Structure formats: C-alpha cells, structure tokens
Amino acid sequence: MNLTVRNIAESCSEQQVREFLTRELGHYAKSVEVVDIGKPGAYATVELAANVPYVGDVIARQIQGRHLGGQPLEASADLFSDEPPAER
C-alpha cells in the first residue's frame, strides 16, 4: 500500500522531505521516493508497512494538512496502484 503526499514546497530538499515523512510515519514507512523536488508538482510516494486499507486512510488523515516548508501537505492512500492519484 502506498501513501502519496503532494503540495511539497519548492524550497524543500529531497532529504528534508524524506526525514519529515520518516519521522512522522515512524515504523509505517518502508521506503520514501521523492519525485520532481524543487518543482511545483513535487510529490512523495511512501510504501507503507500496512496492508489493511483503513490503516492507510488513517495515516493519510494524520499527514493531511501538516506543514512542510510552509505549505500544508495533501495526502492520500492508494491500495491498488503504485501511480500517484491524478492531480485536481
């Protein structure tokens, strides 16, 4: 199961994003991949150490709205796909 985190500030480095998500998610974060860092559409995909759908939703709600680099993050869990959800 993956967690996709969007709305990452352009000023954030890949290391900052990884450290933030690893700290916030603790043992639930298996791996963190950061894509297009420094660009407006930057996002991170976190492989979660949980396979129960509601756990991913709960984790997404915990990250949703937290601030990183001065911007509120957007998060969603996706059980069936490795691709990030389509942008709004």
PDB file of N, CA and C in Angstrom:
ATOM      1  N   MET A   1       0.846  -1.160   0.000  1.00  0.00           N
ATOM      2  CA  MET A   1       0.000   0.000   0.000  1.00  0.00           C
ATOM      3  C   MET A   1       0.898   1.231   0.000  1.00  0.00           C
ATOM      4  N   ASN A   2       0.487   2.215  -0.783  1.00  0.00           N
ATOM      5  CA  ASN A   2       1.260   3.444  -0.893  1.00  0.00           C
ATOM      6  C   ASN A   2       0.495   4.642  -0.364  1.00  0.00           C
ATOM      7  N   LEU A   3       1.249   5.591   0.122  1.00  0.00           N
ATOM      8  CA  LEU A   3       0.724   6.876   0.541  1.00  0.00           C
ATOM      9  C   LEU A   3       1.351   7.905  -0.387  1.00  0.00           C
ATOM     10  N   THR A   4       0.535   8.749  -0.993  1.00  0.00           N
ATOM     11  CA  THR A   4       1.058   9.806  -1.856  1.00  0.00           C
ATOM     12  C   THR A   4       0.893  11.136  -1.130  1.00  0.00           C
ATOM     13  N   VAL A   5       1.985  11.889  -1.075  1.00  0.00           N
ATOM     14  CA  VAL A   5       1.982  13.185  -0.396  1.00  0.00           C
ATOM     15  C   VAL A   5       2.304  14.248  -1.441  1.00  0.00           C
ATOM     16  N   ARG A   6       1.399  15.212  -1.584  1.00  0.00           N
ATOM     17  CA  ARG A   6       1.539  16.281  -2.576  1.00  0.00           C
ATOM     18  C   ARG A   6       1.621  17.640  -1.890  1.00  0.00           C
ATOM     19  N   ASN A   7       1.775  18.668  -2.707  1.00  0.00           N
ATOM     20  CA  ASN A   7       1.861  20.056  -2.265  1.00  0.00           C
ATOM     21  C   ASN A   7       3.135  20.299  -1.456  1.00  0.00           C
ATOM     22  N   ILE A   8       4.216  19.700  -1.917  1.00  0.00           N
ATOM     23  CA  ILE A   8       5.518  19.877  -1.269  1.00  0.00           C
ATOM     24  C   ILE A   8       6.117  21.187  -1.756  1.00  0.00           C
ATOM     25  N   ALA A   9       6.536  22.016  -0.835  1.00  0.00           N
ATOM     26  CA  ALA A   9       7.096  23.327  -1.170  1.00  0.00           C
ATOM     27  C   ALA A   9       8.332  23.180  -2.057  1.00  0.00           C
ATOM     28  N   GLU A  10       8.450  24.073  -3.030  1.00  0.00           N
ATOM     29  CA  GLU A  10       9.597  24.053  -3.935  1.00  0.00           C
ATOM     30  C   GLU A  10      10.912  24.265  -3.194  1.00  0.00           C
ATOM     31  N   SER A  11      10.858  24.914  -2.039  1.00  0.00           N
ATOM     32  CA  SER A  11      12.072  25.199  -1.271  1.00  0.00           C
ATOM     33  C   SER A  11      12.598  23.987  -0.503  1.00  0.00           C
ATOM     34  N   CYS A  12      11.827  22.917  -0.421  1.00  0.00           N
ATOM     35  CA  CYS A  12      12.246  21.724   0.330  1.00  0.00           C
ATOM     36  C   CYS A  12      13.223  20.877  -0.480  1.00  0.00           C
ATOM     37  N   SER A  13      14.193  20.316   0.223  1.00  0.00           N
ATOM     38  CA  SER A  13      15.119  19.393  -0.416  1.00  0.00           C
ATOM     39  C   SER A  13      14.569  17.971  -0.281  1.00  0.00           C
ATOM     40  N   GLU A  14      15.094  17.069  -1.082  1.00  0.00           N
ATOM     41  CA  GLU A  14      14.680  15.671  -1.011  1.00  0.00           C
ATOM     42  C   GLU A  14      14.951  15.106   0.386  1.00  0.00           C
ATOM     43  N   GLN A  15      16.088  15.466   0.955  1.00  0.00           N
ATOM     44  CA  GLN A  15      16.444  14.991   2.293  1.00  0.00           C
ATOM     45  C   GLN A  15      15.443  15.485   3.343  1.00  0.00           C
ATOM     46  N   GLN A  16      15.022  16.752   3.251  1.00  0.00           N
ATOM     47  CA  GLN A  16      14.041  17.289   4.196  1.00  0.00           C
ATOM     48  C   GLN A  16      12.725  16.518   4.121  1.00  0.00           C
ATOM     49  N   VAL A  17      12.282  16.229   2.904  1.00  0.00           N
ATOM     50  CA  VAL A  17      11.024  15.506   2.714  1.00  0.00           C
ATOM     51  C   VAL A  17      11.143  14.097   3.290  1.00  0.00           C
ATOM     52  N   ARG A  18      12.224  13.411   2.964  1.00  0.00           N
ATOM     53  CA  ARG A  18      12.436  12.043   3.478  1.00  0.00           C
ATOM     54  C   ARG A  18      12.470  12.028   5.011  1.00  0.00           C
ATOM     55  N   GLU A  19      13.240  12.933   5.591  1.00  0.00           N
ATOM     56  CA  GLU A  19      13.356  12.980   7.049  1.00  0.00           C
ATOM     57  C   GLU A  19      12.015  13.298   7.704  1.00  0.00           C
ATOM     58  N   PHE A  20      11.278  14.246   7.149  1.00  0.00           N
ATOM     59  CA  PHE A  20       9.976  14.622   7.699  1.00  0.00           C
ATOM     60  C   PHE A  20       9.017  13.432   7.675  1.00  0.00           C
ATOM     61  N   LEU A  21       8.892  12.798   6.518  1.00  0.00           N
ATOM     62  CA  LEU A  21       7.950  11.687   6.399  1.00  0.00           C
ATOM     63  C   LEU A  21       8.374  10.484   7.236  1.00  0.00           C
ATOM     64  N   THR A  22       9.660  10.216   7.288  1.00  0.00           N
ATOM     65  CA  THR A  22      10.149   9.103   8.109  1.00  0.00           C
ATOM     66  C   THR A  22       9.874   9.377   9.582  1.00  0.00           C
ATOM     67  N   ARG A  23      10.092  10.598  10.013  1.00  0.00           N
ATOM     68  CA  ARG A  23       9.834  10.968  11.412  1.00  0.00           C
ATOM     69  C   ARG A  23       8.338  10.893  11.726  1.00  0.00           C
ATOM     70  N   GLU A  24       7.503  11.440  10.838  1.00  0.00           N
ATOM     71  CA  GLU A  24       6.062  11.479  11.077  1.00  0.00           C
ATOM     72  C   GLU A  24       5.414  10.097  11.011  1.00  0.00           C
ATOM     73  N   LEU A  25       5.897   9.249  10.123  1.00  0.00           N
ATOM     74  CA  LEU A  25       5.273   7.947   9.919  1.00  0.00           C
ATOM     75  C   LEU A  25       5.906   6.823  10.727  1.00  0.00           C
ATOM     76  N   GLY A  26       7.112   7.065  11.222  1.00  0.00           N
ATOM     77  CA  GLY A  26       7.773   6.057  12.054  1.00  0.00           C
ATOM     78  C   GLY A  26       7.894   4.714  11.362  1.00  0.00           C
ATOM     79  N   HIS A  27       7.529   3.647  12.072  1.00  0.00           N
ATOM     80  CA  HIS A  27       7.700   2.287  11.544  1.00  0.00           C
ATOM     81  C   HIS A  27       6.759   1.952  10.384  1.00  0.00           C
ATOM     82  N   TYR A  28       5.783   2.811  10.099  1.00  0.00           N
ATOM     83  CA  TYR A  28       4.886   2.565   8.966  1.00  0.00           C
ATOM     84  C   TYR A  28       5.549   2.849   7.622  1.00  0.00           C
ATOM     85  N   ALA A  29       6.619   3.631   7.612  1.00  0.00           N
ATOM     86  CA  ALA A  29       7.285   3.997   6.354  1.00  0.00           C
ATOM     87  C   ALA A  29       8.359   2.968   6.006  1.00  0.00           C
ATOM     88  N   LYS A  30       8.094   2.159   4.976  1.00  0.00           N
ATOM     89  CA  LYS A  30       9.091   1.203   4.487  1.00  0.00           C
ATOM     90  C   LYS A  30      10.130   1.926   3.637  1.00  0.00           C
ATOM     91  N   SER A  31       9.631   2.718   2.688  1.00  0.00           N
ATOM     92  CA  SER A  31      10.528   3.471   1.807  1.00  0.00           C
ATOM     93  C   SER A  31       9.830   4.749   1.359  1.00  0.00           C
ATOM     94  N   VAL A  32      10.647   5.741   1.034  1.00  0.00           N
ATOM     95  CA  VAL A  32      10.121   7.039   0.590  1.00  0.00           C
ATOM     96  C   VAL A  32      10.796   7.392  -0.727  1.00  0.00           C
ATOM     97  N   GLU A  33       9.988   7.670  -1.745  1.00  0.00           N
ATOM     98  CA  GLU A  33      10.504   8.118  -3.033  1.00  0.00           C
ATOM     99  C   GLU A  33       9.983   9.528  -3.272  1.00  0.00           C
ATOM    100  N   VAL A  34      10.894  10.461  -3.548  1.00  0.00           N
ATOM    101  CA  VAL A  34      10.521  11.855  -3.788  1.00  0.00           C
ATOM    102  C   VAL A  34      10.715  12.136  -5.277  1.00  0.00           C
ATOM    103  N   VAL A  35       9.687  12.726  -5.897  1.00  0.00           N
ATOM    104  CA  VAL A  35       9.695  12.955  -7.345  1.00  0.00           C
ATOM    105  C   VAL A  35       9.546  14.452  -7.641  1.00  0.00           C
ATOM    106  N   ASP A  36      10.329  14.923  -8.595  1.00  0.00           N
ATOM    107  CA  ASP A  36      10.263  16.307  -9.086  1.00  0.00           C
ATOM    108  C   ASP A  36      10.491  17.344  -7.991  1.00  0.00           C
ATOM    109  N   ILE A  37      11.388  17.067  -7.067  1.00  0.00           N
ATOM    110  CA  ILE A  37      11.665  18.004  -5.979  1.00  0.00           C
ATOM    111  C   ILE A  37      12.151  19.332  -6.562  1.00  0.00           C
ATOM    112  N   GLY A  38      11.718  20.423  -5.965  1.00  0.00           N
ATOM    113  CA  GLY A  38      12.078  21.757  -6.425  1.00  0.00           C
ATOM    114  C   GLY A  38      11.175  22.286  -7.518  1.00  0.00           C
ATOM    115  N   LYS A  39      10.169  21.484  -7.897  1.00  0.00           N
ATOM    116  CA  LYS A  39       9.222  21.895  -8.936  1.00  0.00           C
ATOM    117  C   LYS A  39       7.829  22.005  -8.314  1.00  0.00           C
ATOM    118  N   PRO A  40       6.940  22.746  -8.968  1.00  0.00           N
ATOM    119  CA  PRO A  40       5.592  22.919  -8.411  1.00  0.00           C
ATOM    120  C   PRO A  40       4.812  21.619  -8.214  1.00  0.00           C
ATOM    121  N   GLY A  41       5.052  20.612  -9.020  1.00  0.00           N
ATOM    122  CA  GLY A  41       4.301  19.358  -8.920  1.00  0.00           C
ATOM    123  C   GLY A  41       4.993  18.280  -8.106  1.00  0.00           C
ATOM    124  N   ALA A  42       5.937  18.649  -7.264  1.00  0.00           N
ATOM    125  CA  ALA A  42       6.685  17.648  -6.491  1.00  0.00           C
ATOM    126  C   ALA A  42       5.749  16.849  -5.598  1.00  0.00           C
ATOM    127  N   TYR A  43       6.055  15.553  -5.472  1.00  0.00           N
ATOM    128  CA  TYR A  43       5.285  14.685  -4.583  1.00  0.00           C
ATOM    129  C   TYR A  43       6.185  13.578  -4.065  1.00  0.00           C
ATOM    130  N   ALA A  44       5.718  12.902  -3.062  1.00  0.00           N
ATOM    131  CA  ALA A  44       6.442  11.768  -2.499  1.00  0.00           C
ATOM    132  C   ALA A  44       5.502  10.578  -2.439  1.00  0.00           C
ATOM    133  N   THR A  45       6.058   9.415  -2.699  1.00  0.00           N
ATOM    134  CA  THR A  45       5.318   8.175  -2.561  1.00  0.00           C
ATOM    135  C   THR A  45       5.985   7.385  -1.444  1.00  0.00           C
ATOM    136  N   VAL A  46       5.186   6.993  -0.463  1.00  0.00           N
ATOM    137  CA  VAL A  46       5.701   6.249   0.678  1.00  0.00           C
ATOM    138  C   VAL A  46       5.113   4.851   0.631  1.00  0.00           C
ATOM    139  N   GLU A  47       5.973   3.850   0.617  1.00  0.00           N
ATOM    140  CA  GLU A  47       5.492   2.477   0.724  1.00  0.00           C
ATOM    141  C   GLU A  47       5.231   2.216   2.203  1.00  0.00           C
ATOM    142  N   LEU A  48       3.990   1.896   2.510  1.00  0.00           N
ATOM    143  CA  LEU A  48       3.596   1.679   3.898  1.00  0.00           C
ATOM    144  C   LEU A  48       3.737   0.217   4.306  1.00  0.00           C
ATOM    145  N   ALA A  49       4.127   0.015   5.543  1.00  0.00           N
ATOM    146  CA  ALA A  49       4.218  -1.329   6.101  1.00  0.00           C
ATOM    147  C   ALA A  49       2.881  -1.710   6.702  1.00  0.00           C
ATOM    148  N   ALA A  50       1.841  -1.612   5.893  1.00  0.00           N
ATOM    149  CA  ALA A  50       0.477  -1.953   6.313  1.00  0.00           C
ATOM    150  C   ALA A  50      -0.305  -2.331   5.073  1.00  0.00           C
ATOM    151  N   ASN A  51      -1.080  -3.384   5.159  1.00  0.00           N
ATOM    152  CA  ASN A  51      -1.857  -3.822   4.002  1.00  0.00           C
ATOM    153  C   ASN A  51      -3.358  -3.735   4.221  1.00  0.00           C
ATOM    154  N   VAL A  52      -3.764  -3.172   5.322  1.00  0.00           N
ATOM    155  CA  VAL A  52      -5.185  -3.022   5.615  1.00  0.00           C
ATOM    156  C   VAL A  52      -5.608  -1.631   5.153  1.00  0.00           C
ATOM    157  N   PRO A  53      -6.598  -1.548   4.247  1.00  0.00           N
ATOM    158  CA  PRO A  53      -6.957  -0.256   3.648  1.00  0.00           C
ATOM    159  C   PRO A  53      -7.229   0.856   4.644  1.00  0.00           C
ATOM    160  N   TYR A  54      -7.945   0.588   5.704  1.00  0.00           N
ATOM    161  CA  TYR A  54      -8.285   1.673   6.628  1.00  0.00           C
ATOM    162  C   TYR A  54      -7.060   2.240   7.328  1.00  0.00           C
ATOM    163  N   VAL A  55      -6.016   1.450   7.492  1.00  0.00           N
ATOM    164  CA  VAL A  55      -4.795   1.952   8.121  1.00  0.00           C
ATOM    165  C   VAL A  55      -4.166   3.030   7.236  1.00  0.00           C
ATOM    166  N   GLY A  56      -4.125   2.794   5.934  1.00  0.00           N
ATOM    167  CA  GLY A  56      -3.594   3.785   5.016  1.00  0.00           C
ATOM    168  C   GLY A  56      -4.400   5.073   5.041  1.00  0.00           C
ATOM    169  N   ASP A  57      -5.717   4.941   5.131  1.00  0.00           N
ATOM    170  CA  ASP A  57      -6.575   6.125   5.197  1.00  0.00           C
ATOM    171  C   ASP A  57      -6.332   6.911   6.478  1.00  0.00           C
ATOM    172  N   VAL A  58      -6.172   6.211   7.576  1.00  0.00           N
ATOM    173  CA  VAL A  58      -5.907   6.872   8.864  1.00  0.00           C
ATOM    174  C   VAL A  58      -4.564   7.596   8.812  1.00  0.00           C
ATOM    175  N   ILE A  59      -3.562   6.945   8.248  1.00  0.00           N
ATOM    176  CA  ILE A  59      -2.237   7.562   8.130  1.00  0.00           C
ATOM    177  C   ILE A  59      -2.320   8.795   7.229  1.00  0.00           C
ATOM    178  N   ALA A  60      -3.039   8.701   6.125  1.00  0.00           N
ATOM    179  CA  ALA A  60      -3.186   9.849   5.219  1.00  0.00           C
ATOM    180  C   ALA A  60      -3.836  11.022   5.949  1.00  0.00           C
ATOM    181  N   ARG A  61      -4.849  10.741   6.759  1.00  0.00           N
ATOM    182  CA  ARG A  61      -5.518  11.822   7.506  1.00  0.00           C
ATOM    183  C   ARG A  61      -4.575  12.466   8.517  1.00  0.00           C
ATOM    184  N   GLN A  62      -3.650  11.682   9.066  1.00  0.00           N
ATOM    185  CA  GLN A  62      -2.698  12.230  10.030  1.00  0.00           C
ATOM    186  C   GLN A  62      -1.699  13.182   9.359  1.00  0.00           C
ATOM    187  N   ILE A  63      -1.322  12.880   8.126  1.00  0.00           N
ATOM    188  CA  ILE A  63      -0.357  13.707   7.395  1.00  0.00           C
ATOM    189  C   ILE A  63      -1.052  14.905   6.731  1.00  0.00           C
ATOM    190  N   GLN A  64      -2.292  14.707   6.305  1.00  0.00           N
ATOM    191  CA  GLN A  64      -3.057  15.754   5.621  1.00  0.00           C
ATOM    192  C   GLN A  64      -3.053  17.048   6.447  1.00  0.00           C
ATOM    193  N   GLY A  65      -2.635  18.124   5.824  1.00  0.00           N
ATOM    194  CA  GLY A  65      -2.656  19.425   6.486  1.00  0.00           C
ATOM    195  C   GLY A  65      -1.429  19.756   7.312  1.00  0.00           C
ATOM    196  N   ARG A  66      -0.575  18.770   7.584  1.00  0.00           N
ATOM    197  CA  ARG A  66       0.672  19.096   8.284  1.00  0.00           C
ATOM    198  C   ARG A  66       1.494  19.991   7.378  1.00  0.00           C
ATOM    199  N   HIS A  67       2.291  20.852   7.970  1.00  0.00           N
ATOM    200  CA  HIS A  67       3.061  21.816   7.196  1.00  0.00           C
ATOM    201  C   HIS A  67       4.513  21.367   7.035  1.00  0.00           C
ATOM    202  N   LEU A  68       4.994  21.507   5.816  1.00  0.00           N
ATOM    203  CA  LEU A  68       6.390  21.255   5.498  1.00  0.00           C
ATOM    204  C   LEU A  68       6.814  22.358   4.540  1.00  0.00           C
ATOM    205  N   GLY A  69       7.830  23.094   4.899  1.00  0.00           N
ATOM    206  CA  GLY A  69       8.278  24.201   4.056  1.00  0.00           C
ATOM    207  C   GLY A  69       7.247  25.304   3.939  1.00  0.00           C
ATOM    208  N   GLY A  70       6.400  25.432   4.968  1.00  0.00           N
ATOM    209  CA  GLY A  70       5.410  26.500   4.983  1.00  0.00           C
ATOM    210  C   GLY A  70       4.135  26.206   4.217  1.00  0.00           C
ATOM    211  N   GLN A  71       3.995  24.998   3.689  1.00  0.00           N
ATOM    212  CA  GLN A  71       2.793  24.646   2.933  1.00  0.00           C
ATOM    213  C   GLN A  71       2.102  23.440   3.563  1.00  0.00           C
ATOM    214  N   PRO A  72       0.768  23.440   3.563  1.00  0.00           N
ATOM    215  CA  PRO A  72       0.039  22.286   4.077  1.00  0.00           C
ATOM    216  C   PRO A  72       0.112  21.132   3.082  1.00  0.00           C
ATOM    217  N   LEU A  73       0.438  19.967   3.577  1.00  0.00           N
ATOM    218  CA  LEU A  73       0.549  18.793   2.715  1.00  0.00           C
ATOM    219  C   LEU A  73      -0.817  18.200   2.406  1.00  0.00           C
ATOM    220  N   GLU A  74      -0.899  17.537   1.265  1.00  0.00           N
ATOM    221  CA  GLU A  74      -2.084  16.782   0.871  1.00  0.00           C
ATOM    222  C   GLU A  74      -1.655  15.329   0.798  1.00  0.00           C
ATOM    223  N   ALA A  75      -2.434  14.437   1.395  1.00  0.00           N
ATOM    224  CA  ALA A  75      -2.047  13.027   1.423  1.00  0.00           C
ATOM    225  C   ALA A  75      -3.228  12.135   1.099  1.00  0.00           C
ATOM    226  N   SER A  76      -2.933  11.031   0.419  1.00  0.00           N
ATOM    227  CA  SER A  76      -3.964  10.042   0.132  1.00  0.00           C
ATOM    228  C   SER A  76      -3.328   8.660   0.062  1.00  0.00           C
ATOM    229  N   ALA A  77      -4.077   7.665   0.487  1.00  0.00           N
ATOM    230  CA  ALA A  77      -3.617   6.280   0.444  1.00  0.00           C
ATOM    231  C   ALA A  77      -4.207   5.622  -0.784  1.00  0.00           C
ATOM    232  N   ASP A  78      -3.414   4.772  -1.411  1.00  0.00           N
ATOM    233  CA  ASP A  78      -3.865   4.058  -2.591  1.00  0.00           C
ATOM    234  C   ASP A  78      -3.446   2.610  -2.457  1.00  0.00           C
ATOM    235  N   LEU A  79      -4.406   1.743  -2.239  1.00  0.00           N
ATOM    236  CA  LEU A  79      -4.136   0.330  -2.014  1.00  0.00           C
ATOM    237  C   LEU A  79      -3.764  -0.414  -3.282  1.00  0.00           C
ATOM    238  N   PHE A  80      -4.319  -0.021  -4.434  1.00  0.00           N
ATOM    239  CA  PHE A  80      -4.211  -0.851  -5.622  1.00  0.00           C
ATOM    240  C   PHE A  80      -3.268  -0.371  -6.705  1.00  0.00           C
ATOM    241  N   SER A  81      -2.627   0.768  -6.532  1.00  0.00           N
ATOM    242  CA  SER A  81      -1.800   1.298  -7.604  1.00  0.00           C
ATOM    243  C   SER A  81      -0.516   1.905  -7.060  1.00  0.00           C
ATOM    244  N   ASP A  82       0.548   1.785  -7.850  1.00  0.00           N
ATOM    245  CA  ASP A  82       1.805   2.428  -7.494  1.00  0.00           C
ATOM    246  C   ASP A  82       1.882   3.838  -8.072  1.00  0.00           C
ATOM    247  N   GLU A  83       0.908   4.209  -8.904  1.00  0.00           N
ATOM    248  CA  GLU A  83       0.894   5.521  -9.515  1.00  0.00           C
ATOM    249  C   GLU A  83       0.219   6.516  -8.591  1.00  0.00           C
ATOM    250  N   PRO A  84       0.719   7.771  -8.555  1.00  0.00           N
ATOM    251  CA  PRO A  84       0.049   8.790  -7.733  1.00  0.00           C
ATOM    252  C   PRO A  84      -1.318   9.107  -8.314  1.00  0.00           C
ATOM    253  N   PRO A  85      -2.264   9.507  -7.474  1.00  0.00           N
ATOM    254  CA  PRO A  85      -3.579   9.858  -7.985  1.00  0.00           C
ATOM    255  C   PRO A  85      -3.498  11.068  -8.915  1.00  0.00           C
ATOM    256  N   ALA A  86      -4.431  11.177  -9.822  1.00  0.00           N
ATOM    257  CA  ALA A  86      -4.438  12.275 -10.781  1.00  0.00           C
ATOM    258  C   ALA A  86      -4.567  13.611 -10.043  1.00  0.00           C
ATOM    259  N   GLU A  87      -3.875  14.619 -10.586  1.00  0.00           N
ATOM    260  CA  GLU A  87      -3.962  15.953  -9.972  1.00  0.00           C
ATOM    261  C   GLU A  87      -5.331  16.534 -10.224  1.00  0.00           C
ATOM    262  N   ARG A  88      -5.749  17.379  -9.282  1.00  0.00           N
ATOM    263  CA  ARG A  88      -7.053  18.031  -9.418  1.00  0.00           C
ATOM    264  C   ARG A  88      -7.008  19.182 -10.343  1.00  0.00           C
TER     265      ARG A  88
END
